[in-house]
mmCIF file of all heavy atoms, coordinates in Angstrom:
data_MODEL
# 
_entry.id   MODEL 
# 
loop_
_atom_site.group_PDB 
_atom_site.id 
_atom_site.type_symbol 
_atom_site.label_atom_id 
_atom_site.label_alt_id 
_atom_site.label_comp_id 
_atom_site.label_asym_id 
_atom_site.label_entity_id 
_atom_site.label_seq_id 
_atom_site.pdbx_PDB_ins_code 
_atom_site.Cartn_x 
_atom_site.Cartn_y 
_atom_site.Cartn_z 
_atom_site.occupancy 
_atom_site.B_iso_or_equiv 
_atom_site.pdbx_formal_charge 
_atom_site.auth_seq_id 
_atom_site.auth_comp_id 
_atom_site.auth_asym_id 
_atom_site.auth_atom_id 
_atom_site.pdbx_PDB_model_num 
ATOM 1   N N   . GLU A 1 1  ? -11.730 -16.909 11.527 1.00 0.00 ? 1  GLU A N   1 
ATOM 2   C CA  . GLU A 1 1  ? -11.881 -15.463 11.790 1.00 0.00 ? 1  GLU A CA  1 
ATOM 3   C C   . GLU A 1 1  ? -13.169 -15.182 12.643 1.00 0.00 ? 1  GLU A C   1 
ATOM 4   O O   . GLU A 1 1  ? -14.255 -15.703 12.290 1.00 0.00 ? 1  GLU A O   1 
ATOM 5   C CB  . GLU A 1 1  ? -12.138 -14.663 10.453 1.00 0.00 ? 1  GLU A CB  1 
ATOM 6   C CG  . GLU A 1 1  ? -10.899 -14.712 9.548  1.00 0.00 ? 1  GLU A CG  1 
ATOM 7   C CD  . GLU A 1 1  ? -11.224 -13.884 8.238  1.00 0.00 ? 1  GLU A CD  1 
ATOM 8   O OE1 . GLU A 1 1  ? -12.406 -13.609 8.003  1.00 0.00 ? 1  GLU A OE1 1 
ATOM 9   O OE2 . GLU A 1 1  ? -10.304 -13.758 7.497  1.00 0.00 ? 1  GLU A OE2 1 
ATOM 10  N N   . TYR A 1 2  ? -12.988 -14.465 13.715 1.00 0.00 ? 2  TYR A N   1 
ATOM 11  C CA  . TYR A 1 2  ? -14.157 -13.985 14.456 1.00 0.00 ? 2  TYR A CA  1 
ATOM 12  C C   . TYR A 1 2  ? -14.131 -12.508 14.535 1.00 0.00 ? 2  TYR A C   1 
ATOM 13  O O   . TYR A 1 2  ? -13.141 -11.876 14.710 1.00 0.00 ? 2  TYR A O   1 
ATOM 14  C CB  . TYR A 1 2  ? -14.077 -14.516 15.889 1.00 0.00 ? 2  TYR A CB  1 
ATOM 15  C CG  . TYR A 1 2  ? -14.021 -15.973 15.982 1.00 0.00 ? 2  TYR A CG  1 
ATOM 16  C CD1 . TYR A 1 2  ? -12.755 -16.743 16.199 1.00 0.00 ? 2  TYR A CD1 1 
ATOM 17  C CD2 . TYR A 1 2  ? -15.122 -16.838 16.065 1.00 0.00 ? 2  TYR A CD2 1 
ATOM 18  C CE1 . TYR A 1 2  ? -12.659 -18.050 16.400 1.00 0.00 ? 2  TYR A CE1 1 
ATOM 19  C CE2 . TYR A 1 2  ? -15.150 -18.218 16.199 1.00 0.00 ? 2  TYR A CE2 1 
ATOM 20  C CZ  . TYR A 1 2  ? -13.820 -18.864 16.348 1.00 0.00 ? 2  TYR A CZ  1 
ATOM 21  O OH  . TYR A 1 2  ? -13.783 -20.181 16.443 1.00 0.00 ? 2  TYR A OH  1 
ATOM 22  N N   . VAL A 1 3  ? -15.324 -11.905 14.292 1.00 0.00 ? 3  VAL A N   1 
ATOM 23  C CA  . VAL A 1 3  ? -15.515 -10.496 14.598 1.00 0.00 ? 3  VAL A CA  1 
ATOM 24  C C   . VAL A 1 3  ? -16.357 -10.304 15.780 1.00 0.00 ? 3  VAL A C   1 
ATOM 25  O O   . VAL A 1 3  ? -17.479 -10.809 15.823 1.00 0.00 ? 3  VAL A O   1 
ATOM 26  C CB  . VAL A 1 3  ? -16.248 -9.793  13.311 1.00 0.00 ? 3  VAL A CB  1 
ATOM 27  C CG1 . VAL A 1 3  ? -16.319 -8.297  13.649 1.00 0.00 ? 3  VAL A CG1 1 
ATOM 28  C CG2 . VAL A 1 3  ? -15.265 -9.894  12.054 1.00 0.00 ? 3  VAL A CG2 1 
ATOM 29  N N   . VAL A 1 4  ? -15.690 -9.624  16.711 1.00 0.00 ? 4  VAL A N   1 
ATOM 30  C CA  . VAL A 1 4  ? -16.474 -9.310  17.945 1.00 0.00 ? 4  VAL A CA  1 
ATOM 31  C C   . VAL A 1 4  ? -16.904 -7.848  17.994 1.00 0.00 ? 4  VAL A C   1 
ATOM 32  O O   . VAL A 1 4  ? -16.055 -6.948  17.846 1.00 0.00 ? 4  VAL A O   1 
ATOM 33  C CB  . VAL A 1 4  ? -15.577 -9.624  19.177 1.00 0.00 ? 4  VAL A CB  1 
ATOM 34  C CG1 . VAL A 1 4  ? -16.225 -9.258  20.484 1.00 0.00 ? 4  VAL A CG1 1 
ATOM 35  C CG2 . VAL A 1 4  ? -15.180 -11.066 19.184 1.00 0.00 ? 4  VAL A CG2 1 
ATOM 36  N N   . ALA A 1 5  ? -18.200 -7.600  18.272 1.00 0.00 ? 5  ALA A N   1 
ATOM 37  C CA  . ALA A 1 5  ? -18.676 -6.165  18.556 1.00 0.00 ? 5  ALA A CA  1 
ATOM 38  C C   . ALA A 1 5  ? -18.641 -5.943  19.898 1.00 0.00 ? 5  ALA A C   1 
ATOM 39  O O   . ALA A 1 5  ? -19.305 -6.547  20.787 1.00 0.00 ? 5  ALA A O   1 
ATOM 40  C CB  . ALA A 1 5  ? -20.092 -6.248  17.924 1.00 0.00 ? 5  ALA A CB  1 
ATOM 41  N N   . LEU A 1 6  ? -17.708 -5.050  20.349 1.00 0.00 ? 6  LEU A N   1 
ATOM 42  C CA  . LEU A 1 6  ? -17.469 -4.781  21.767 1.00 0.00 ? 6  LEU A CA  1 
ATOM 43  C C   . LEU A 1 6  ? -18.660 -4.184  22.386 1.00 0.00 ? 6  LEU A C   1 
ATOM 44  O O   . LEU A 1 6  ? -19.029 -4.381  23.539 1.00 0.00 ? 6  LEU A O   1 
ATOM 45  C CB  . LEU A 1 6  ? -16.267 -3.803  21.868 1.00 0.00 ? 6  LEU A CB  1 
ATOM 46  C CG  . LEU A 1 6  ? -14.917 -4.433  21.370 1.00 0.00 ? 6  LEU A CG  1 
ATOM 47  C CD1 . LEU A 1 6  ? -13.786 -3.436  21.606 1.00 0.00 ? 6  LEU A CD1 1 
ATOM 48  C CD2 . LEU A 1 6  ? -14.587 -5.809  22.145 1.00 0.00 ? 6  LEU A CD2 1 
ATOM 49  N N   . GLN A 1 7  ? -19.397 -3.325  21.641 1.00 0.00 ? 7  GLN A N   1 
ATOM 50  C CA  . GLN A 1 7  ? -20.599 -2.659  22.293 1.00 0.00 ? 7  GLN A CA  1 
ATOM 51  C C   . GLN A 1 7  ? -21.718 -3.641  22.537 1.00 0.00 ? 7  GLN A C   1 
ATOM 52  O O   . GLN A 1 7  ? -22.566 -3.443  23.420 1.00 0.00 ? 7  GLN A O   1 
ATOM 53  C CB  . GLN A 1 7  ? -21.094 -1.466  21.399 1.00 0.00 ? 7  GLN A CB  1 
ATOM 54  C CG  . GLN A 1 7  ? -21.727 -1.903  20.067 1.00 0.00 ? 7  GLN A CG  1 
ATOM 55  C CD  . GLN A 1 7  ? -20.729 -2.208  19.008 1.00 0.00 ? 7  GLN A CD  1 
ATOM 56  O OE1 . GLN A 1 7  ? -19.484 -2.189  19.193 1.00 0.00 ? 7  GLN A OE1 1 
ATOM 57  N NE2 . GLN A 1 7  ? -21.179 -2.494  17.805 1.00 0.00 ? 7  GLN A NE2 1 
ATOM 58  N N   . ASP A 1 8  ? -21.717 -4.737  21.736 1.00 0.00 ? 8  ASP A N   1 
ATOM 59  C CA  . ASP A 1 8  ? -22.693 -5.796  21.995 1.00 0.00 ? 8  ASP A CA  1 
ATOM 60  C C   . ASP A 1 8  ? -22.230 -6.919  22.862 1.00 0.00 ? 8  ASP A C   1 
ATOM 61  O O   . ASP A 1 8  ? -23.023 -7.936  23.145 1.00 0.00 ? 8  ASP A O   1 
ATOM 62  C CB  . ASP A 1 8  ? -23.210 -6.378  20.659 1.00 0.00 ? 8  ASP A CB  1 
ATOM 63  C CG  . ASP A 1 8  ? -23.931 -5.241  19.793 1.00 0.00 ? 8  ASP A CG  1 
ATOM 64  O OD1 . ASP A 1 8  ? -24.518 -4.336  20.400 1.00 0.00 ? 8  ASP A OD1 1 
ATOM 65  O OD2 . ASP A 1 8  ? -23.794 -5.331  18.551 1.00 0.00 ? 8  ASP A OD2 1 
ATOM 66  N N   . ASP A 1 9  ? -20.922 -7.004  23.084 1.00 0.00 ? 9  ASP A N   1 
ATOM 67  C CA  . ASP A 1 9  ? -20.278 -8.032  23.803 1.00 0.00 ? 9  ASP A CA  1 
ATOM 68  C C   . ASP A 1 9  ? -20.622 -9.446  23.168 1.00 0.00 ? 9  ASP A C   1 
ATOM 69  O O   . ASP A 1 9  ? -21.026 -10.347 23.797 1.00 0.00 ? 9  ASP A O   1 
ATOM 70  C CB  . ASP A 1 9  ? -20.811 -8.085  25.301 1.00 0.00 ? 9  ASP A CB  1 
ATOM 71  C CG  . ASP A 1 9  ? -19.889 -8.780  26.285 1.00 0.00 ? 9  ASP A CG  1 
ATOM 72  O OD1 . ASP A 1 9  ? -18.769 -8.841  26.003 1.00 0.00 ? 9  ASP A OD1 1 
ATOM 73  O OD2 . ASP A 1 9  ? -20.415 -9.511  27.192 1.00 0.00 ? 9  ASP A OD2 1 
ATOM 74  N N   . ALA A 1 10 ? -20.502 -9.510  21.852 1.00 0.00 ? 10 ALA A N   1 
ATOM 75  C CA  . ALA A 1 10 ? -20.991 -10.605 21.145 1.00 0.00 ? 10 ALA A CA  1 
ATOM 76  C C   . ALA A 1 10 ? -20.091 -10.848 19.779 1.00 0.00 ? 10 ALA A C   1 
ATOM 77  O O   . ALA A 1 10 ? -19.565 -9.888  19.264 1.00 0.00 ? 10 ALA A O   1 
ATOM 78  C CB  . ALA A 1 10 ? -22.407 -10.491 20.748 1.00 0.00 ? 10 ALA A CB  1 
ATOM 79  N N   . ILE A 1 11 ? -20.084 -12.160 19.434 1.00 0.00 ? 11 ILE A N   1 
ATOM 80  C CA  . ILE A 1 11 ? -19.489 -12.435 18.060 1.00 0.00 ? 11 ILE A CA  1 
ATOM 81  C C   . ILE A 1 11 ? -20.518 -12.193 17.036 1.00 0.00 ? 11 ILE A C   1 
ATOM 82  O O   . ILE A 1 11 ? -21.682 -12.706 17.129 1.00 0.00 ? 11 ILE A O   1 
ATOM 83  C CB  . ILE A 1 11 ? -19.127 -13.973 18.156 1.00 0.00 ? 11 ILE A CB  1 
ATOM 84  C CG1 . ILE A 1 11 ? -18.030 -14.195 19.116 1.00 0.00 ? 11 ILE A CG1 1 
ATOM 85  C CG2 . ILE A 1 11 ? -18.554 -14.382 16.706 1.00 0.00 ? 11 ILE A CG2 1 
ATOM 86  C CD1 . ILE A 1 11 ? -17.694 -15.728 19.349 1.00 0.00 ? 11 ILE A CD1 1 
ATOM 87  N N   . VAL A 1 12 ? -20.214 -11.342 16.008 1.00 0.00 ? 12 VAL A N   1 
ATOM 88  C CA  . VAL A 1 12 ? -21.126 -11.022 15.005 1.00 0.00 ? 12 VAL A CA  1 
ATOM 89  C C   . VAL A 1 12 ? -20.817 -11.601 13.551 1.00 0.00 ? 12 VAL A C   1 
ATOM 90  O O   . VAL A 1 12 ? -21.594 -11.529 12.691 1.00 0.00 ? 12 VAL A O   1 
ATOM 91  C CB  . VAL A 1 12 ? -21.295 -9.596  14.926 1.00 0.00 ? 12 VAL A CB  1 
ATOM 92  C CG1 . VAL A 1 12 ? -21.946 -8.827  16.167 1.00 0.00 ? 12 VAL A CG1 1 
ATOM 93  C CG2 . VAL A 1 12 ? -19.944 -8.827  14.575 1.00 0.00 ? 12 VAL A CG2 1 
ATOM 94  N N   . ASP A 1 13 ? -19.606 -12.266 13.594 1.00 0.00 ? 13 ASP A N   1 
ATOM 95  C CA  . ASP A 1 13 ? -19.358 -12.975 12.333 1.00 0.00 ? 13 ASP A CA  1 
ATOM 96  C C   . ASP A 1 13 ? -18.273 -14.049 12.618 1.00 0.00 ? 13 ASP A C   1 
ATOM 97  O O   . ASP A 1 13 ? -17.431 -13.835 13.529 1.00 0.00 ? 13 ASP A O   1 
ATOM 98  C CB  . ASP A 1 13 ? -18.636 -11.932 11.313 1.00 0.00 ? 13 ASP A CB  1 
ATOM 99  C CG  . ASP A 1 13 ? -18.675 -12.379 9.882  1.00 0.00 ? 13 ASP A CG  1 
ATOM 100 O OD1 . ASP A 1 13 ? -19.284 -13.501 9.674  1.00 0.00 ? 13 ASP A OD1 1 
ATOM 101 O OD2 . ASP A 1 13 ? -17.919 -11.903 9.092  1.00 0.00 ? 13 ASP A OD2 1 
ATOM 102 N N   . GLU A 1 14 ? -18.298 -15.117 11.865 1.00 0.00 ? 14 GLU A N   1 
ATOM 103 C CA  . GLU A 1 14 ? -17.407 -16.229 12.116 1.00 0.00 ? 14 GLU A CA  1 
ATOM 104 C C   . GLU A 1 14 ? -17.228 -16.960 10.764 1.00 0.00 ? 14 GLU A C   1 
ATOM 105 O O   . GLU A 1 14 ? -18.196 -17.238 10.083 1.00 0.00 ? 14 GLU A O   1 
ATOM 106 C CB  . GLU A 1 14 ? -18.037 -17.177 13.108 1.00 0.00 ? 14 GLU A CB  1 
ATOM 107 C CG  . GLU A 1 14 ? -17.164 -18.464 13.432 1.00 0.00 ? 14 GLU A CG  1 
ATOM 108 C CD  . GLU A 1 14 ? -17.834 -19.334 14.473 1.00 0.00 ? 14 GLU A CD  1 
ATOM 109 O OE1 . GLU A 1 14 ? -18.657 -18.829 15.279 1.00 0.00 ? 14 GLU A OE1 1 
ATOM 110 O OE2 . GLU A 1 14 ? -17.495 -20.497 14.487 1.00 0.00 ? 14 GLU A OE2 1 
ATOM 111 N N   . ARG A 1 15 ? -15.888 -17.183 10.391 1.00 0.00 ? 15 ARG A N   1 
ATOM 112 C CA  . ARG A 1 15 ? -15.589 -17.787 9.163  1.00 0.00 ? 15 ARG A CA  1 
ATOM 113 C C   . ARG A 1 15 ? -14.360 -18.516 9.221  1.00 0.00 ? 15 ARG A C   1 
ATOM 114 O O   . ARG A 1 15 ? -13.323 -18.031 9.688  1.00 0.00 ? 15 ARG A O   1 
ATOM 115 C CB  . ARG A 1 15 ? -15.518 -16.747 7.989  1.00 0.00 ? 15 ARG A CB  1 
ATOM 116 C CG  . ARG A 1 15 ? -15.236 -17.232 6.635  1.00 0.00 ? 15 ARG A CG  1 
ATOM 117 C CD  . ARG A 1 15 ? -15.092 -16.126 5.635  1.00 0.00 ? 15 ARG A CD  1 
ATOM 118 N NE  . ARG A 1 15 ? -13.747 -15.553 5.749  1.00 0.00 ? 15 ARG A NE  1 
ATOM 119 C CZ  . ARG A 1 15 ? -12.703 -15.902 4.954  1.00 0.00 ? 15 ARG A CZ  1 
ATOM 120 N NH1 . ARG A 1 15 ? -12.956 -16.778 3.940  1.00 0.00 ? 15 ARG A NH1 1 
ATOM 121 N NH2 . ARG A 1 15 ? -11.519 -15.356 5.003  1.00 0.00 ? 15 ARG A NH2 1 
ATOM 122 N N   . VAL A 1 16 ? -14.362 -19.802 8.715  1.00 0.00 ? 16 VAL A N   1 
ATOM 123 C CA  . VAL A 1 16 ? -13.061 -20.628 8.757  1.00 0.00 ? 16 VAL A CA  1 
ATOM 124 C C   . VAL A 1 16 ? -12.199 -20.110 7.496  1.00 0.00 ? 16 VAL A C   1 
ATOM 125 O O   . VAL A 1 16 ? -12.812 -19.875 6.400  1.00 0.00 ? 16 VAL A O   1 
ATOM 126 C CB  . VAL A 1 16 ? -13.372 -22.148 8.585  1.00 0.00 ? 16 VAL A CB  1 
ATOM 127 C CG1 . VAL A 1 16 ? -12.093 -22.953 8.338  1.00 0.00 ? 16 VAL A CG1 1 
ATOM 128 C CG2 . VAL A 1 16 ? -14.075 -22.558 9.825  1.00 0.00 ? 16 VAL A CG2 1 
ATOM 129 N N   . VAL A 1 17 ? -10.927 -19.933 7.726  1.00 0.00 ? 17 VAL A N   1 
ATOM 130 C CA  . VAL A 1 17 ? -9.995  -19.591 6.653  1.00 0.00 ? 17 VAL A CA  1 
ATOM 131 C C   . VAL A 1 17 ? -9.777  -20.790 5.766  1.00 0.00 ? 17 VAL A C   1 
ATOM 132 O O   . VAL A 1 17 ? -9.278  -21.782 6.297  1.00 0.00 ? 17 VAL A O   1 
ATOM 133 C CB  . VAL A 1 17 ? -8.732  -19.013 7.215  1.00 0.00 ? 17 VAL A CB  1 
ATOM 134 C CG1 . VAL A 1 17 ? -7.709  -18.656 6.146  1.00 0.00 ? 17 VAL A CG1 1 
ATOM 135 C CG2 . VAL A 1 17 ? -8.963  -17.833 8.145  1.00 0.00 ? 17 VAL A CG2 1 
ATOM 136 N N   . PRO A 1 18 ? -10.212 -20.700 4.502  1.00 0.00 ? 18 PRO A N   1 
ATOM 137 C CA  . PRO A 1 18 ? -10.034 -21.894 3.670  1.00 0.00 ? 18 PRO A CA  1 
ATOM 138 C C   . PRO A 1 18 ? -8.731  -22.218 3.085  1.00 0.00 ? 18 PRO A C   1 
ATOM 139 O O   . PRO A 1 18 ? -8.403  -21.859 1.946  1.00 0.00 ? 18 PRO A O   1 
ATOM 140 C CB  . PRO A 1 18 ? -11.120 -21.655 2.587  1.00 0.00 ? 18 PRO A CB  1 
ATOM 141 C CG  . PRO A 1 18 ? -11.095 -20.234 2.488  1.00 0.00 ? 18 PRO A CG  1 
ATOM 142 C CD  . PRO A 1 18 ? -10.795 -19.591 3.817  1.00 0.00 ? 18 PRO A CD  1 
ATOM 143 N N   . SER A 1 19 ? -7.806  -22.750 3.947  1.00 0.00 ? 19 SER A N   1 
ATOM 144 C CA  . SER A 1 19 ? -6.497  -22.991 3.565  1.00 0.00 ? 19 SER A CA  1 
ATOM 145 C C   . SER A 1 19 ? -6.236  -24.325 2.729  1.00 0.00 ? 19 SER A C   1 
ATOM 146 O O   . SER A 1 19 ? -5.174  -24.518 2.255  1.00 0.00 ? 19 SER A O   1 
ATOM 147 C CB  . SER A 1 19 ? -5.640  -23.017 4.729  1.00 0.00 ? 19 SER A CB  1 
ATOM 148 O OG  . SER A 1 19 ? -5.976  -24.094 5.568  1.00 0.00 ? 19 SER A OG  1 
ATOM 149 N N   . ASP A 1 20 ? -7.287  -25.049 2.493  1.00 0.00 ? 20 ASP A N   1 
ATOM 150 C CA  . ASP A 1 20 ? -7.176  -26.319 1.785  1.00 0.00 ? 20 ASP A CA  1 
ATOM 151 C C   . ASP A 1 20 ? -7.795  -26.297 0.448  1.00 0.00 ? 20 ASP A C   1 
ATOM 152 O O   . ASP A 1 20 ? -8.007  -27.330 -0.179 1.00 0.00 ? 20 ASP A O   1 
ATOM 153 C CB  . ASP A 1 20 ? -7.542  -27.537 2.703  1.00 0.00 ? 20 ASP A CB  1 
ATOM 154 C CG  . ASP A 1 20 ? -9.078  -27.305 3.124  1.00 0.00 ? 20 ASP A CG  1 
ATOM 155 O OD1 . ASP A 1 20 ? -9.553  -26.352 2.871  1.00 0.00 ? 20 ASP A OD1 1 
ATOM 156 O OD2 . ASP A 1 20 ? -9.568  -28.334 3.681  1.00 0.00 ? 20 ASP A OD2 1 
ATOM 157 N N   . THR A 1 21 ? -8.324  -25.150 0.060  1.00 0.00 ? 21 THR A N   1 
ATOM 158 C CA  . THR A 1 21 ? -9.029  -25.077 -1.246 1.00 0.00 ? 21 THR A CA  1 
ATOM 159 C C   . THR A 1 21 ? -8.340  -23.963 -2.101 1.00 0.00 ? 21 THR A C   1 
ATOM 160 O O   . THR A 1 21 ? -7.861  -22.907 -1.436 1.00 0.00 ? 21 THR A O   1 
ATOM 161 C CB  . THR A 1 21 ? -10.523 -24.691 -1.146 1.00 0.00 ? 21 THR A CB  1 
ATOM 162 O OG1 . THR A 1 21 ? -10.697 -23.513 -0.318 1.00 0.00 ? 21 THR A OG1 1 
ATOM 163 C CG2 . THR A 1 21 ? -11.235 -25.844 -0.469 1.00 0.00 ? 21 THR A CG2 1 
ATOM 164 N N   . PHE A 1 22 ? -8.211  -24.137 -3.326 1.00 0.00 ? 22 PHE A N   1 
ATOM 165 C CA  . PHE A 1 22 ? -7.479  -23.243 -4.189 1.00 0.00 ? 22 PHE A CA  1 
ATOM 166 C C   . PHE A 1 22 ? -8.134  -21.913 -4.101 1.00 0.00 ? 22 PHE A C   1 
ATOM 167 O O   . PHE A 1 22 ? -9.269  -21.646 -4.120 1.00 0.00 ? 22 PHE A O   1 
ATOM 168 C CB  . PHE A 1 22 ? -7.562  -23.772 -5.579 1.00 0.00 ? 22 PHE A CB  1 
ATOM 169 C CG  . PHE A 1 22 ? -6.581  -22.876 -6.495 1.00 0.00 ? 22 PHE A CG  1 
ATOM 170 C CD1 . PHE A 1 22 ? -5.211  -23.251 -6.642 1.00 0.00 ? 22 PHE A CD1 1 
ATOM 171 C CD2 . PHE A 1 22 ? -7.021  -21.866 -7.360 1.00 0.00 ? 22 PHE A CD2 1 
ATOM 172 C CE1 . PHE A 1 22 ? -4.393  -22.554 -7.513 1.00 0.00 ? 22 PHE A CE1 1 
ATOM 173 C CE2 . PHE A 1 22 ? -6.133  -21.145 -8.187 1.00 0.00 ? 22 PHE A CE2 1 
ATOM 174 C CZ  . PHE A 1 22 ? -4.833  -21.529 -8.276 1.00 0.00 ? 22 PHE A CZ  1 
ATOM 175 N N   . PRO A 1 23 ? -7.290  -20.706 -4.069 1.00 0.00 ? 23 PRO A N   1 
ATOM 176 C CA  . PRO A 1 23 ? -5.845  -20.648 -4.074 1.00 0.00 ? 23 PRO A CA  1 
ATOM 177 C C   . PRO A 1 23 ? -5.084  -20.685 -2.687 1.00 0.00 ? 23 PRO A C   1 
ATOM 178 O O   . PRO A 1 23 ? -4.074  -20.147 -2.460 1.00 0.00 ? 23 PRO A O   1 
ATOM 179 C CB  . PRO A 1 23 ? -5.634  -19.290 -4.734 1.00 0.00 ? 23 PRO A CB  1 
ATOM 180 C CG  . PRO A 1 23 ? -6.741  -18.455 -4.269 1.00 0.00 ? 23 PRO A CG  1 
ATOM 181 C CD  . PRO A 1 23 ? -7.916  -19.376 -4.113 1.00 0.00 ? 23 PRO A CD  1 
ATOM 182 N N   . TYR A 1 24 ? -5.757  -21.354 -1.737 1.00 0.00 ? 24 TYR A N   1 
ATOM 183 C CA  . TYR A 1 24 ? -5.178  -21.570 -0.408 1.00 0.00 ? 24 TYR A CA  1 
ATOM 184 C C   . TYR A 1 24 ? -4.800  -20.229 0.339  1.00 0.00 ? 24 TYR A C   1 
ATOM 185 O O   . TYR A 1 24 ? -5.617  -19.275 0.304  1.00 0.00 ? 24 TYR A O   1 
ATOM 186 C CB  . TYR A 1 24 ? -3.852  -22.414 -0.581 1.00 0.00 ? 24 TYR A CB  1 
ATOM 187 C CG  . TYR A 1 24 ? -3.945  -23.538 -1.606 1.00 0.00 ? 24 TYR A CG  1 
ATOM 188 C CD1 . TYR A 1 24 ? -3.280  -23.426 -2.822 1.00 0.00 ? 24 TYR A CD1 1 
ATOM 189 C CD2 . TYR A 1 24 ? -4.912  -24.550 -1.319 1.00 0.00 ? 24 TYR A CD2 1 
ATOM 190 C CE1 . TYR A 1 24 ? -3.553  -24.487 -3.729 1.00 0.00 ? 24 TYR A CE1 1 
ATOM 191 C CE2 . TYR A 1 24 ? -5.038  -25.638 -2.353 1.00 0.00 ? 24 TYR A CE2 1 
ATOM 192 C CZ  . TYR A 1 24 ? -4.341  -25.531 -3.513 1.00 0.00 ? 24 TYR A CZ  1 
ATOM 193 O OH  . TYR A 1 24 ? -4.460  -26.513 -4.417 1.00 0.00 ? 24 TYR A OH  1 
ATOM 194 N N   . GLY A 1 25 ? -3.711  -20.254 1.111  1.00 0.00 ? 25 GLY A N   1 
ATOM 195 C CA  . GLY A 1 25 ? -3.379  -19.082 1.937  1.00 0.00 ? 25 GLY A CA  1 
ATOM 196 C C   . GLY A 1 25 ? -3.455  -19.456 3.409  1.00 0.00 ? 25 GLY A C   1 
ATOM 197 O O   . GLY A 1 25 ? -4.439  -20.115 3.797  1.00 0.00 ? 25 GLY A O   1 
# 
């Protein structure tokens, strides 16, 4: 997951989706 702030032209958050740890998804 990346959250981009358009007014700042920048990535403000980054997180790997944990699909290999319970409860998956």
